[in-house]
C-alpha atoms as a PDB file:
ATOM      1  CA  MET A   1      81.923  43.321 145.901  1.00  0.00           C
ATOM      2  CA  VAL A   2      81.427  46.215 148.364  1.00  0.00           C
ATOM      3  CA  CYS A   3      84.799  47.617 147.355  1.00  0.00           C
ATOM      4  CA  ALA A   4      83.818  47.415 143.799  1.00  0.00           C
ATOM      5  CA  ALA A   5      80.411  49.234 144.523  1.00  0.00           C
ATOM      6  CA  VAL A   6      82.425  52.072 146.410  1.00  0.00           C
ATOM      7  CA  LEU A   7      84.834  52.197 143.755  1.00  0.00           C
ATOM      8  CA  ALA A   8      82.038  52.545 141.180  1.00  0.00           C
ATOM      9  CA  THR A   9      80.484  55.407 143.056  1.00  0.00           C
ATOM     10  CA  MET A  10      83.471  57.184 143.591  1.00  0.00           C
ATOM     11  CA  LEU A  11      84.203  57.178 139.902  1.00  0.00           C
ATOM     12  CA  THR A  12      80.794  58.136 138.829  1.00  0.00           C
ATOM     13  CA  SER A  13      80.423  61.028 141.332  1.00  0.00           C
ATOM     14  CA  SER A  14      84.097  62.426 140.362  1.00  0.00           C
ATOM     15  CA  ALA A  15      83.117  62.339 136.610  1.00  0.00           C
ATOM     16  CA  CYS A  16      80.319  64.928 137.133  1.00  0.00           C
ATOM     17  CA  ARG A  17      81.349  68.440 136.485  1.00  0.00           C
ATOM     18  CA  ASN A  18      79.493  71.772 136.274  1.00  0.00           C
ATOM     19  CA  MET A  19      80.101  73.348 132.931  1.00  0.00           C
ATOM     20  CA  PRO A  20      79.368  76.795 132.217  1.00  0.00           C
ATOM     21  CA  GLY A  21      76.222  77.410 130.039  1.00  0.00           C
ATOM     22  CA  PRO A  22      76.513  78.399 126.339  1.00  0.00           C
ATOM     23  CA  PHE A  23      77.213  82.026 125.638  1.00  0.00           C
ATOM     24  CA  ALA A  24      77.137  84.036 122.449  1.00  0.00           C
ATOM     25  CA  PRO A  25      80.380  85.206 120.879  1.00  0.00           C
ATOM     26  CA  PRO A  26      81.224  88.894 120.976  1.00  0.00           C
ATOM     27  CA  VAL A  27      79.598  91.150 118.524  1.00  0.00           C
ATOM     28  CA  GLN A  28      81.865  91.264 115.297  1.00  0.00           C
ATOM     29  CA  ARG A  29      82.454  94.693 113.901  1.00  0.00           C
ATOM     30  CA  GLN A  30      84.237  95.890 110.713  1.00  0.00           C
ATOM     31  CA  PRO A  31      87.590  97.590 111.359  1.00  0.00           C
ATOM     32  CA  LEU A  32      87.701 101.236 110.585  1.00  0.00           C
ATOM     33  CA  GLN A  33      89.093 102.147 107.259  1.00  0.00           C
ATOM     34  CA  ASN A  34      92.579 103.768 107.155  1.00  0.00           C
ATOM     35  CA  PHE A  35      92.865 103.144 111.186  1.00  0.00           C
ATOM     36  CA  ARG A  36      96.399 102.794 112.480  1.00  0.00           C
ATOM     37  CA  PRO A  37      95.887 102.984 116.292  1.00  0.00           C
ATOM     38  CA  TYR A  38      99.742 103.192 117.387  1.00  0.00           C
ATOM     39  CA  ARG A  39     101.164 105.338 114.672  1.00  0.00           C
ATOM     40  CA  MET A  40     101.471 109.070 114.903  1.00  0.00           C
ATOM     41  CA  SER A  41     100.876 110.979 111.866  1.00  0.00           C
ATOM     42  CA  SER A  42     103.805 113.126 112.214  1.00  0.00           C
ATOM     43  CA  ILE A  43     105.794 111.720 109.211  1.00  0.00           C
ATOM     44  CA  VAL A  44     103.913 111.589 105.801  1.00  0.00           C
ATOM     45  CA  ASN A  45     105.212 108.761 103.716  1.00  0.00           C
ATOM     46  CA  MET A  46     104.154 109.401 100.058  1.00  0.00           C
ATOM     47  CA  SER A  47     103.102 105.653  99.778  1.00  0.00           C
ATOM     48  CA  ASP A  48     100.625 105.767 102.933  1.00  0.00           C
ATOM     49  CA  GLU A  49      96.999 105.359 101.959  1.00  0.00           C
ATOM     50  CA  ASP A  50      96.045 108.278 103.850  1.00  0.00           C
ATOM     51  CA  ALA A  51      99.016 110.637 102.749  1.00  0.00           C
ATOM     52  CA  ARG A  52      96.417 112.747 100.574  1.00  0.00           C
ATOM     53  CA  THR A  53      94.608 113.702 103.779  1.00  0.00           C
ATOM     54  CA  HIS A  54      97.807 115.537 104.831  1.00  0.00           C
ATOM     55  CA  PHE A  55      98.517 117.478 101.779  1.00  0.00           C
ATOM     56  CA  VAL A  56      98.243 121.179 101.703  1.00  0.00           C
ATOM     57  CA  GLN A  57     100.062 121.965  98.253  1.00  0.00           C
ATOM     58  CA  ASP A  58     102.176 121.170  95.426  1.00  0.00           C
ATOM     59  CA  ILE A  59     102.061 117.426  95.719  1.00  0.00           C
ATOM     60  CA  THR A  60     101.071 115.318  92.732  1.00  0.00           C
ATOM     61  CA  SER A  61      99.945 111.726  92.067  1.00  0.00           C
ATOM     62  CA  LEU A  62     101.894 108.700  93.443  1.00  0.00           C
ATOM     63  CA  GLU A  63     104.679 107.151  91.211  1.00  0.00           C
ATOM     64  CA  ALA A  64     106.154 103.712  91.488  1.00  0.00           C
ATOM     65  CA  ALA A  65     103.958 103.290  94.757  1.00  0.00           C
ATOM     66  CA  THR A  66     106.728 105.189  96.680  1.00  0.00           C
ATOM     67  CA  TRP A  67     107.170 108.789  95.635  1.00  0.00           C
ATOM     68  CA  ARG A  68     105.554 111.942  94.276  1.00  0.00           C
ATOM     69  CA  TRP A  69     106.603 114.725  92.070  1.00  0.00           C
ATOM     70  CA  THR A  70     106.272 118.096  93.729  1.00  0.00           C
ATOM     71  CA  GLY A  71     105.760 121.616  92.541  1.00  0.00           C
ATOM     72  CA  LYS A  72     107.686 124.777  93.894  1.00  0.00           C
ATOM     73  CA  ARG A  73     106.425 124.456  97.553  1.00  0.00           C
ATOM     74  CA  PRO A  74     105.404 120.885  98.565  1.00  0.00           C
ATOM     75  CA  THR A  75     103.414 121.211 101.965  1.00  0.00           C
ATOM     76  CA  VAL A  76     101.890 118.838 104.401  1.00  0.00           C
ATOM     77  CA  ARG A  77      99.823 119.212 107.465  1.00  0.00           C
ATOM     78  CA  VAL A  78     100.739 117.165 110.688  1.00  0.00           C
ATOM     79  CA  ARG A  79     100.017 117.259 114.231  1.00  0.00           C
ATOM     80  CA  MET A  80     102.371 116.634 117.139  1.00  0.00           C
ATOM     81  CA  ARG A  81     101.336 115.295 120.662  1.00  0.00           C
ATOM     82  CA  SER A  82     104.302 117.064 122.333  1.00  0.00           C
ATOM     83  CA  ALA A  83     106.335 120.134 121.353  1.00  0.00           C
ATOM     84  CA  GLU A  84     109.488 119.083 122.848  1.00  0.00           C
ATOM     85  CA  ASN A  85     112.711 117.789 121.055  1.00  0.00           C
ATOM     86  CA  ILE A  86     111.029 118.107 117.555  1.00  0.00           C
ATOM     87  CA  ARG A  87     113.041 117.520 114.473  1.00  0.00           C
ATOM     88  CA  TYR A  88     112.204 118.447 110.860  1.00  0.00           C
ATOM     89  CA  THR A  89     112.736 115.293 108.548  1.00  0.00           C
ATOM     90  CA  ILE A  90     112.612 114.995 104.700  1.00  0.00           C
ATOM     91  CA  ASP A  91     113.716 112.578 102.327  1.00  0.00           C
ATOM     92  CA  PHE A  92     113.604 113.305  98.533  1.00  0.00           C
ATOM     93  CA  ALA A  93     115.426 113.109  95.411  1.00  0.00           C
ATOM     94  CA  ILE A  94     116.882 115.518  92.775  1.00  0.00           C
ATOM     95  CA  ALA A  95     116.251 113.850  89.289  1.00  0.00           C
ATOM     96  CA  GLU A  96     119.327 113.991  87.030  1.00  0.00           C
ATOM     97  CA  ALA A  97     117.179 115.225  84.107  1.00  0.00           C
ATOM     98  CA  THR A  98     115.819 118.024  85.944  1.00  0.00           C
ATOM     99  CA  LEU A  99     119.241 118.999  87.499  1.00  0.00           C
ATOM    100  CA  LEU A 100     120.844 119.108  84.032  1.00  0.00           C
ATOM    101  CA  ALA A 101     118.448 121.483  82.627  1.00  0.00           C
ATOM    102  CA  THR A 102     118.223 123.927  85.873  1.00  0.00           C
ATOM    103  CA  GLY A 103     121.579 123.488  87.320  1.00  0.00           C
ATOM    104  CA  PRO A 104     122.010 123.353  91.036  1.00  0.00           C
ATOM    105  CA  VAL A 105     119.059 123.944  93.001  1.00  0.00           C
ATOM    106  CA  THR A 106     118.391 125.458  96.619  1.00  0.00           C
ATOM    107  CA  VAL A 107     115.771 124.033  98.902  1.00  0.00           C
ATOM    108  CA  THR A 108     114.379 126.200 101.724  1.00  0.00           C
ATOM    109  CA  PHE A 109     112.824 123.875 104.573  1.00  0.00           C
ATOM    110  CA  LEU A 110     109.963 125.514 106.284  1.00  0.00           C
ATOM    111  CA  VAL A 111     107.826 124.901 109.403  1.00  0.00           C
ATOM    112  CA  ASN A 112     104.697 126.906 109.652  1.00  0.00           C
ATOM    113  CA  ASP A 113     105.805 129.291 107.004  1.00  0.00           C
ATOM    114  CA  ARG A 114     109.074 129.993 108.950  1.00  0.00           C
ATOM    115  CA  VAL A 115     112.395 129.362 107.252  1.00  0.00           C
ATOM    116  CA  LEU A 116     114.334 126.579 109.259  1.00  0.00           C
ATOM    117  CA  ASP A 117     117.302 126.310 106.841  1.00  0.00           C
ATOM    118  CA  HIS A 118     118.500 126.273 103.370  1.00  0.00           C
ATOM    119  CA  ALA A 119     120.482 123.562 101.414  1.00  0.00           C
ATOM    120  CA  ARG A 120     122.052 123.879  97.859  1.00  0.00           C
ATOM    121  CA  TYR A 121     122.147 120.612  95.880  1.00  0.00           C
ATOM    122  CA  ARG A 122     124.616 120.246  93.110  1.00  0.00           C
ATOM    123  CA  ARG A 123     124.373 116.466  92.594  1.00  0.00           C
ATOM    124  CA  ALA A 124     121.301 114.237  91.480  1.00  0.00           C
ATOM    125  CA  GLY A 125     120.016 111.499  93.619  1.00  0.00           C
ATOM    126  CA  ASN A 126     118.733 110.712  97.022  1.00  0.00           C
ATOM    127  CA  GLN A 127     118.733 113.319  99.758  1.00  0.00           C
ATOM    128  CA  HIS A 128     118.015 113.291 103.380  1.00  0.00           C
ATOM    129  CA  PHE A 129     117.740 116.550 105.467  1.00  0.00           C
ATOM    130  CA  GLU A 130     116.937 116.703 109.295  1.00  0.00           C
ATOM    131  CA  LYS A 131     117.163 119.583 111.878  1.00  0.00           C
ATOM    132  CA  PRO A 132     116.015 120.446 115.334  1.00  0.00           C
ATOM    133  CA  ILE A 133     113.121 122.871 115.364  1.00  0.00           C
ATOM    134  CA  PRO A 134     113.422 125.835 117.718  1.00  0.00           C
ATOM    135  CA  ALA A 135     111.420 125.809 120.839  1.00  0.00           C
ATOM    136  CA  GLY A 136     108.224 127.600 120.463  1.00  0.00           C
ATOM    137  CA  TRP A 137     107.799 126.939 116.656  1.00  0.00           C
ATOM    138  CA  VAL A 138     105.366 124.026 117.385  1.00  0.00           C
ATOM    139  CA  ILE A 139     102.513 123.987 119.738  1.00  0.00           C
ATOM    140  CA  ALA A 140     101.494 120.468 121.172  1.00  0.00           C
ATOM    141  CA  GLY A 141      98.126 119.336 119.866  1.00  0.00           C
ATOM    142  CA  GLU A 142      97.887 121.910 117.012  1.00  0.00           C
ATOM    143  CA  ASP A 143      98.391 121.310 113.363  1.00  0.00           C
ATOM    144  CA  VAL A 144     101.807 122.218 111.939  1.00  0.00           C
ATOM    145  CA  THR A 145     102.545 123.007 108.191  1.00  0.00           C
ATOM    146  CA  VAL A 146     105.761 121.198 107.096  1.00  0.00           C
ATOM    147  CA  GLY A 147     107.325 122.073 103.779  1.00  0.00           C
ATOM    148  CA  ALA A 148     110.139 122.736 101.516  1.00  0.00           C
ATOM    149  CA  GLU A 149     110.421 125.278  98.519  1.00  0.00           C
ATOM    150  CA  VAL A 150     112.721 124.692  95.522  1.00  0.00           C
ATOM    151  CA  ASP A 151     114.233 127.822  93.947  1.00  0.00           C
ATOM    152  CA  LYS A 152     114.120 126.422  90.223  1.00  0.00           C
ATOM    153  CA  LEU A 153     111.627 124.130  88.741  1.00  0.00           C
ATOM    154  CA  TRP A 154     112.115 122.114  85.691  1.00  0.00           C
ATOM    155  CA  VAL A 155     109.529 122.864  82.997  1.00  0.00           C
ATOM    156  CA  SER A 156     108.550 120.434  80.333  1.00  0.00           C
ATOM    157  CA  PRO A 157     109.103 121.708  76.885  1.00  0.00           C
ATOM    158  CA  ASP A 158     106.057 119.528  75.611  1.00  0.00           C
ATOM    159  CA  ASP A 159     103.153 119.936  77.968  1.00  0.00           C
ATOM    160  CA  GLY A 160     104.396 122.470  80.442  1.00  0.00           C
ATOM    161  CA  PRO A 161     104.277 120.796  83.988  1.00  0.00           C
ATOM    162  CA  LYS A 162     106.680 122.444  86.354  1.00  0.00           C
ATOM    163  CA  LEU A 163     108.571 119.800  88.564  1.00  0.00           C
ATOM    164  CA  GLY A 164     110.659 120.327  91.613  1.00  0.00           C
ATOM    165  CA  MET A 165     111.841 117.363  93.477  1.00  0.00           C
ATOM    166  CA  ILE A 166     110.819 113.691  94.048  1.00  0.00           C
ATOM    167  CA  LEU A 167     109.424 113.498  97.454  1.00  0.00           C
ATOM    168  CA  VAL A 168     109.553 110.243  99.574  1.00  0.00           C
ATOM    169  CA  ARG A 169     108.559 111.366 103.110  1.00  0.00           C
ATOM    170  CA  ILE A 170     108.355 114.632 105.062  1.00  0.00           C
ATOM    171  CA  GLY A 171     107.396 115.603 108.655  1.00  0.00           C
ATOM    172  CA  LEU A 172     108.410 115.904 112.118  1.00  0.00           C
ATOM    173  CA  THR A 173     109.935 113.205 114.441  1.00  0.00           C
ATOM    174  CA  GLN A 174     110.954 113.352 118.298  1.00  0.00           C
END
Protein backbone atom coordinates (compact mmCIF):
# COMPACT_ATOMS: atom_id res chain seq x y z
CA MET A 1 0.00 0.00 0.00
CA VAL A 2 2.86 2.30 0.88
CA CYS A 3 4.37 1.50 -2.48
CA ALA A 4 1.12 2.42 -4.20
CA ALA A 5 0.95 5.73 -2.29
CA VAL A 6 4.57 6.58 -3.20
CA LEU A 7 3.96 5.62 -6.82
CA ALA A 8 0.78 7.76 -6.95
CA THR A 9 2.66 10.74 -5.46
CA MET A 10 5.46 10.39 -8.00
CA LEU A 11 3.03 10.16 -10.91
CA THR A 12 1.03 13.23 -9.87
CA SER A 13 4.15 15.32 -9.20
CA SER A 14 5.68 14.41 -12.57
CA ALA A 15 2.49 15.35 -14.42
CA CYS A 16 2.67 19.00 -13.31
CA ARG A 17 4.47 21.28 -15.69
CA ASN A 18 4.84 25.05 -15.94
CA MET A 19 3.41 26.16 -19.28
CA PRO A 20 4.12 29.59 -20.68
CA GLY A 21 1.30 32.06 -20.38
CA PRO A 22 -0.82 33.01 -23.36
CA PHE A 23 0.64 35.56 -25.79
CA ALA A 24 -0.73 37.60 -28.65
CA PRO A 25 0.26 36.66 -32.20
CA PRO A 26 2.51 39.14 -34.03
CA VAL A 27 0.90 42.13 -35.69
CA GLN A 28 -0.29 41.23 -39.19
CA ARG A 29 0.76 43.66 -41.93
CA GLN A 30 -0.28 43.93 -45.54
CA PRO A 31 2.58 43.18 -47.99
CA LEU A 32 3.93 46.15 -49.90
CA GLN A 33 2.50 46.40 -53.38
CA ASN A 34 4.99 45.43 -56.14
CA PHE A 35 7.66 44.57 -53.55
CA ARG A 36 10.31 42.08 -54.65
CA PRO A 37 12.98 42.00 -51.92
CA TYR A 38 15.64 39.89 -53.63
CA ARG A 39 15.38 41.01 -57.22
CA MET A 40 17.58 43.69 -58.69
CA SER A 41 15.79 45.87 -61.20
CA SER A 42 18.65 45.86 -63.67
CA ILE A 43 16.68 43.83 -66.24
CA VAL A 44 13.24 45.08 -67.20
CA ASN A 45 10.98 42.32 -68.48
CA MET A 46 8.12 43.84 -70.41
CA SER A 47 5.71 41.54 -68.56
CA ASP A 48 6.76 42.78 -65.09
CA GLU A 49 4.02 44.54 -63.15
CA ASP A 50 6.37 47.44 -62.42
CA ALA A 51 7.91 47.64 -65.92
CA ARG A 52 6.26 50.99 -66.68
CA THR A 53 8.11 52.62 -63.77
CA HIS A 54 11.36 52.04 -65.70
CA PHE A 55 10.20 53.37 -69.10
CA VAL A 56 11.82 56.56 -70.37
CA GLN A 57 10.47 56.65 -73.94
CA ASP A 58 9.12 54.85 -77.01
CA ILE A 59 7.67 51.71 -75.37
CA THR A 60 3.95 51.00 -75.87
CA SER A 61 1.32 48.91 -74.08
CA LEU A 62 1.75 45.23 -73.19
CA GLU A 63 0.84 42.70 -75.88
CA ALA A 64 0.18 38.97 -75.33
CA ALA A 65 1.25 39.46 -71.68
CA THR A 66 4.95 39.24 -72.63
CA TRP A 67 6.11 41.91 -75.08
CA ARG A 68 5.63 45.51 -76.23
CA TRP A 69 5.96 47.35 -79.52
CA THR A 70 8.55 50.10 -79.56
CA GLY A 71 9.02 53.33 -81.39
CA LYS A 72 12.34 54.53 -82.76
CA ARG A 73 14.33 54.65 -79.51
CA PRO A 74 12.99 52.47 -76.68
CA THR A 75 14.74 53.41 -73.44
CA VAL A 76 14.50 52.25 -69.83
CA ARG A 77 16.06 53.49 -66.60
CA VAL A 78 17.70 51.01 -64.21
CA ARG A 79 20.12 51.21 -61.29
CA MET A 80 23.10 48.95 -60.61
CA ARG A 81 24.54 48.24 -57.16
CA SER A 82 27.97 47.62 -58.64
CA ALA A 83 29.73 48.97 -61.70
CA GLU A 84 31.99 45.96 -62.30
CA ASN A 85 31.60 43.38 -65.09
CA ILE A 86 28.36 44.82 -66.44
CA ARG A 87 26.80 43.55 -69.66
CA TYR A 88 24.13 45.11 -71.84
CA THR A 89 21.35 42.57 -72.52
CA ILE A 90 18.32 42.78 -74.78
CA ASP A 91 15.84 40.23 -76.13
CA PHE A 92 13.62 41.41 -78.96
CA ALA A 93 12.08 40.35 -82.24
CA ILE A 94 11.85 41.80 -85.71
CA ALA A 95 8.36 41.29 -87.12
CA GLU A 96 8.24 39.75 -90.58
CA ALA A 97 5.56 42.17 -91.78
CA THR A 98 7.63 45.21 -90.79
CA LEU A 99 10.85 43.75 -92.22
CA LEU A 100 9.17 43.10 -95.59
CA ALA A 101 8.16 46.77 -95.75
CA THR A 102 11.38 48.36 -94.44
CA GLY A 103 14.04 45.92 -95.57
CA PRO A 104 16.97 45.09 -93.26
CA VAL A 105 17.16 47.25 -90.13
CA THR A 106 20.13 48.42 -88.13
CA VAL A 107 19.77 48.60 -84.37
CA THR A 108 22.10 50.80 -82.33
CA PHE A 109 22.53 49.77 -78.69
CA LEU A 110 22.91 52.62 -76.19
CA VAL A 111 24.00 53.06 -72.57
CA ASN A 112 23.59 56.56 -71.08
CA ASP A 113 23.23 57.87 -74.67
CA ARG A 114 26.61 56.40 -75.62
CA VAL A 115 26.77 54.02 -78.57
CA LEU A 116 27.80 50.56 -77.40
CA ASP A 117 27.42 48.80 -80.75
CA HIS A 118 25.38 48.46 -83.98
CA ALA A 119 23.91 45.32 -85.52
CA ARG A 120 22.15 44.80 -88.85
CA TYR A 121 19.19 42.41 -88.96
CA ARG A 122 18.17 40.93 -92.30
CA ARG A 123 15.85 38.19 -90.98
CA ALA A 124 12.66 38.35 -88.96
CA GLY A 125 12.32 36.54 -85.67
CA ASN A 126 13.69 36.46 -82.15
CA GLN A 127 16.99 38.19 -81.49
CA HIS A 128 19.35 38.36 -78.52
CA PHE A 129 22.15 40.88 -78.11
CA GLU A 130 24.61 40.95 -75.21
CA LYS A 131 27.87 42.83 -74.83
CA PRO A 132 30.16 43.98 -72.00
CA ILE A 133 29.97 47.68 -71.14
CA PRO A 134 33.28 49.56 -70.95
CA ALA A 135 34.51 50.54 -67.48
CA GLY A 136 33.42 53.99 -66.41
CA TRP A 137 30.15 54.03 -68.38
CA VAL A 138 28.09 53.04 -65.32
CA ILE A 139 28.42 54.43 -61.80
CA ALA A 140 27.27 52.17 -58.96
CA GLY A 141 24.09 53.37 -57.25
CA GLU A 142 23.17 55.87 -59.98
CA ASP A 143 20.46 55.67 -62.64
CA VAL A 144 21.52 54.29 -66.01
CA THR A 145 19.56 54.66 -69.24
CA VAL A 146 19.62 51.60 -71.46
CA GLY A 147 18.17 51.79 -74.93
CA ALA A 148 18.18 50.78 -78.57
CA GLU A 149 17.56 52.78 -81.71
CA VAL A 150 15.96 51.31 -84.83
CA ASP A 151 17.07 53.05 -88.03
CA LYS A 152 13.86 52.36 -90.05
CA LEU A 153 10.34 52.28 -88.64
CA TRP A 154 7.31 50.64 -90.17
CA VAL A 155 4.48 53.14 -90.64
CA SER A 156 0.92 51.84 -90.81
CA PRO A 157 -0.80 53.03 -94.00
CA ASP A 158 -4.17 53.08 -92.18
CA ASP A 159 -3.72 55.05 -88.98
CA GLY A 160 -0.04 56.00 -88.96
CA PRO A 161 1.58 54.37 -85.89
CA LYS A 162 5.32 53.99 -86.30
CA LEU A 163 6.62 50.64 -85.08
CA GLY A 164 10.21 49.57 -84.51
CA MET A 165 10.77 46.24 -82.79
CA ILE A 166 9.03 43.82 -80.46
CA LEU A 167 10.71 44.25 -77.08
CA VAL A 168 10.72 41.39 -74.55
CA ARG A 169 13.40 42.49 -72.06
CA ILE A 170 16.23 44.99 -71.79
CA GLY A 171 18.73 45.98 -69.13
CA LEU A 172 22.07 45.32 -67.51
CA THR A 173 23.46 42.13 -65.97
CA GLN A 174 26.58 41.21 -64.04
